[in-house]
Amino acid sequence: MQETRKTDRYLTLRTGKISFPGAPNGMDCAVLNVSRTGACLLVPANAAVPDQFDLTIDHERAVRSCRRVWHDGSRIGLEFLAVPTPKKV
């Protein structure tokens, strides 16, 4: 498989929450790796994740707008769309 990432990703084992209209409480996920431009998430099997959503990584004070780039089973590759915005407290 040819590498197409724009920047290096770093392994991490963190948790997060995916938010989008229709999911009032959000969807829990695991953050497998992350870079300045994107990440790979592990979501529940058969989860219906839209093409665009917000991601909050636990213990970070920001919400990131994301675009799903690929989906393989319960793994999702995403691209960050903008600079993270501060999380509302």
C-alpha atoms as a PDB file:
ATOM      1  CA  MET A   1       0.000   0.000   0.000  1.00  0.00           C
ATOM      2  CA  GLN A   2       1.388   3.391  -0.989  1.00  0.00           C
ATOM      3  CA  GLU A   3       1.715   6.000   1.766  1.00  0.00           C
ATOM      4  CA  THR A   4      -0.349   9.114   0.973  1.00  0.00           C
ATOM      5  CA  ARG A   5      -0.294  10.982   4.294  1.00  0.00           C
ATOM      6  CA  LYS A   6       0.803  14.611   4.211  1.00  0.00           C
ATOM      7  CA  THR A   7       2.505  14.494   7.630  1.00  0.00           C
ATOM      8  CA  ASP A   8       3.810  11.817   9.995  1.00  0.00           C
ATOM      9  CA  ARG A   9       1.319  10.300  12.404  1.00  0.00           C
ATOM     10  CA  TYR A  10       2.148   9.262  15.940  1.00  0.00           C
ATOM     11  CA  LEU A  11       0.687   6.281  17.763  1.00  0.00           C
ATOM     12  CA  THR A  12      -1.552   7.164  20.666  1.00  0.00           C
ATOM     13  CA  LEU A  13      -4.122   5.382  22.759  1.00  0.00           C
ATOM     14  CA  ARG A  14      -6.570   8.075  23.706  1.00  0.00           C
ATOM     15  CA  THR A  15     -10.312   8.299  23.795  1.00  0.00           C
ATOM     16  CA  GLY A  16     -12.566  10.852  22.189  1.00  0.00           C
ATOM     17  CA  LYS A  17     -16.074  11.719  21.142  1.00  0.00           C
ATOM     18  CA  ILE A  18     -17.502  12.180  17.649  1.00  0.00           C
ATOM     19  CA  SER A  19     -20.306  14.741  17.424  1.00  0.00           C
ATOM     20  CA  PHE A  20     -22.728  15.373  14.573  1.00  0.00           C
ATOM     21  CA  PRO A  21     -26.407  16.259  14.097  1.00  0.00           C
ATOM     22  CA  GLY A  22     -28.534  13.254  14.972  1.00  0.00           C
ATOM     23  CA  ALA A  23     -26.187  12.048  17.724  1.00  0.00           C
ATOM     24  CA  PRO A  24     -27.194  14.209  20.702  1.00  0.00           C
ATOM     25  CA  ASN A  25     -24.783  12.505  23.126  1.00  0.00           C
ATOM     26  CA  GLY A  26     -22.031  11.933  20.581  1.00  0.00           C
ATOM     27  CA  MET A  27     -20.286   8.652  19.815  1.00  0.00           C
ATOM     28  CA  ASP A  28     -17.327   7.339  21.819  1.00  0.00           C
ATOM     29  CA  CYS A  29     -14.198   6.391  19.895  1.00  0.00           C
ATOM     30  CA  ALA A  30     -10.550   5.483  20.394  1.00  0.00           C
ATOM     31  CA  VAL A  31      -7.845   7.613  18.767  1.00  0.00           C
ATOM     32  CA  LEU A  32      -5.240   5.204  17.388  1.00  0.00           C
ATOM     33  CA  ASN A  33      -2.885   7.716  15.812  1.00  0.00           C
ATOM     34  CA  VAL A  34      -2.800  11.445  15.193  1.00  0.00           C
ATOM     35  CA  SER A  35      -0.857  14.063  13.244  1.00  0.00           C
ATOM     36  CA  ARG A  36      -1.084  17.747  12.583  1.00  0.00           C
ATOM     37  CA  THR A  37      -3.419  17.074   9.619  1.00  0.00           C
ATOM     38  CA  GLY A  38      -5.440  13.964  10.549  1.00  0.00           C
ATOM     39  CA  ALA A  39      -6.009  10.866  12.635  1.00  0.00           C
ATOM     40  CA  CYS A  40      -7.197   7.276  12.683  1.00  0.00           C
ATOM     41  CA  LEU A  41     -10.134   6.356  14.918  1.00  0.00           C
ATOM     42  CA  LEU A  42     -11.627   3.108  16.122  1.00  0.00           C
ATOM     43  CA  VAL A  43     -15.436   3.300  16.312  1.00  0.00           C
ATOM     44  CA  PRO A  44     -18.145   0.802  17.300  1.00  0.00           C
ATOM     45  CA  ALA A  45     -18.795  -1.899  14.685  1.00  0.00           C
ATOM     46  CA  ASN A  46     -21.356  -0.830  12.075  1.00  0.00           C
ATOM     47  CA  ALA A  47     -21.328   2.769  13.371  1.00  0.00           C
ATOM     48  CA  ALA A  48     -22.881   5.253  10.960  1.00  0.00           C
ATOM     49  CA  VAL A  49     -20.383   8.100  10.937  1.00  0.00           C
ATOM     50  CA  PRO A  50     -21.167  10.942   8.505  1.00  0.00           C
ATOM     51  CA  ASP A  51     -18.668  12.348   6.010  1.00  0.00           C
ATOM     52  CA  GLN A  52     -18.117  15.433   8.193  1.00  0.00           C
ATOM     53  CA  PHE A  53     -18.197  15.607  11.985  1.00  0.00           C
ATOM     54  CA  ASP A  54     -16.551  17.183  15.026  1.00  0.00           C
ATOM     55  CA  LEU A  55     -14.001  15.344  17.150  1.00  0.00           C
ATOM     56  CA  THR A  56     -13.117  16.086  20.751  1.00  0.00           C
ATOM     57  CA  ILE A  57     -10.061  14.185  22.017  1.00  0.00           C
ATOM     58  CA  ASP A  58     -10.205  13.635  25.767  1.00  0.00           C
ATOM     59  CA  HIS A  59      -7.905  15.856  27.833  1.00  0.00           C
ATOM     60  CA  GLU A  60      -7.580  18.394  24.996  1.00  0.00           C
ATOM     61  CA  ARG A  61      -9.330  21.715  25.149  1.00  0.00           C
ATOM     62  CA  ALA A  62     -10.341  21.858  21.500  1.00  0.00           C
ATOM     63  CA  VAL A  63     -12.971  20.619  19.074  1.00  0.00           C
ATOM     64  CA  ARG A  64     -11.720  19.652  15.622  1.00  0.00           C
ATOM     65  CA  SER A  65     -13.834  19.729  12.460  1.00  0.00           C
ATOM     66  CA  CYS A  66     -13.102  16.583  10.448  1.00  0.00           C
ATOM     67  CA  ARG A  67     -13.740  14.958   7.091  1.00  0.00           C
ATOM     68  CA  ARG A  68     -13.790  11.178   6.768  1.00  0.00           C
ATOM     69  CA  VAL A  69     -11.222  10.131   4.171  1.00  0.00           C
ATOM     70  CA  TRP A  70     -11.621   6.356   4.432  1.00  0.00           C
ATOM     71  CA  HIS A  71     -13.551   3.766   6.446  1.00  0.00           C
ATOM     72  CA  ASP A  72     -12.456   0.133   6.822  1.00  0.00           C
ATOM     73  CA  GLY A  73     -14.614  -1.899   9.188  1.00  0.00           C
ATOM     74  CA  SER A  74     -14.446  -0.150  12.546  1.00  0.00           C
ATOM     75  CA  ARG A  75     -11.489   2.088  11.628  1.00  0.00           C
ATOM     76  CA  ILE A  76     -11.883   5.587  10.186  1.00  0.00           C
ATOM     77  CA  GLY A  77      -9.182   7.753   8.654  1.00  0.00           C
ATOM     78  CA  LEU A  78      -9.903  11.451   8.872  1.00  0.00           C
ATOM     79  CA  GLU A  79      -8.530  14.802   7.845  1.00  0.00           C
ATOM     80  CA  PHE A  80      -8.727  17.852  10.090  1.00  0.00           C
ATOM     81  CA  LEU A  81     -10.494  20.653   8.211  1.00  0.00           C
ATOM     82  CA  ALA A  82      -9.460  23.666  10.251  1.00  0.00           C
ATOM     83  CA  VAL A  83      -7.533  24.890  13.241  1.00  0.00           C
ATOM     84  CA  PRO A  84      -9.080  23.437  16.431  1.00  0.00           C
ATOM     85  CA  THR A  85     -11.581  25.672  18.210  1.00  0.00           C
ATOM     86  CA  PRO A  86     -11.583  25.990  22.001  1.00  0.00           C
ATOM     87  CA  LYS A  87     -13.992  23.591  23.718  1.00  0.00           C
ATOM     88  CA  LYS A  88     -16.951  25.198  25.473  1.00  0.00           C
ATOM     89  CA  VAL A  89     -16.766  24.613  29.200  1.00  0.00           C
END
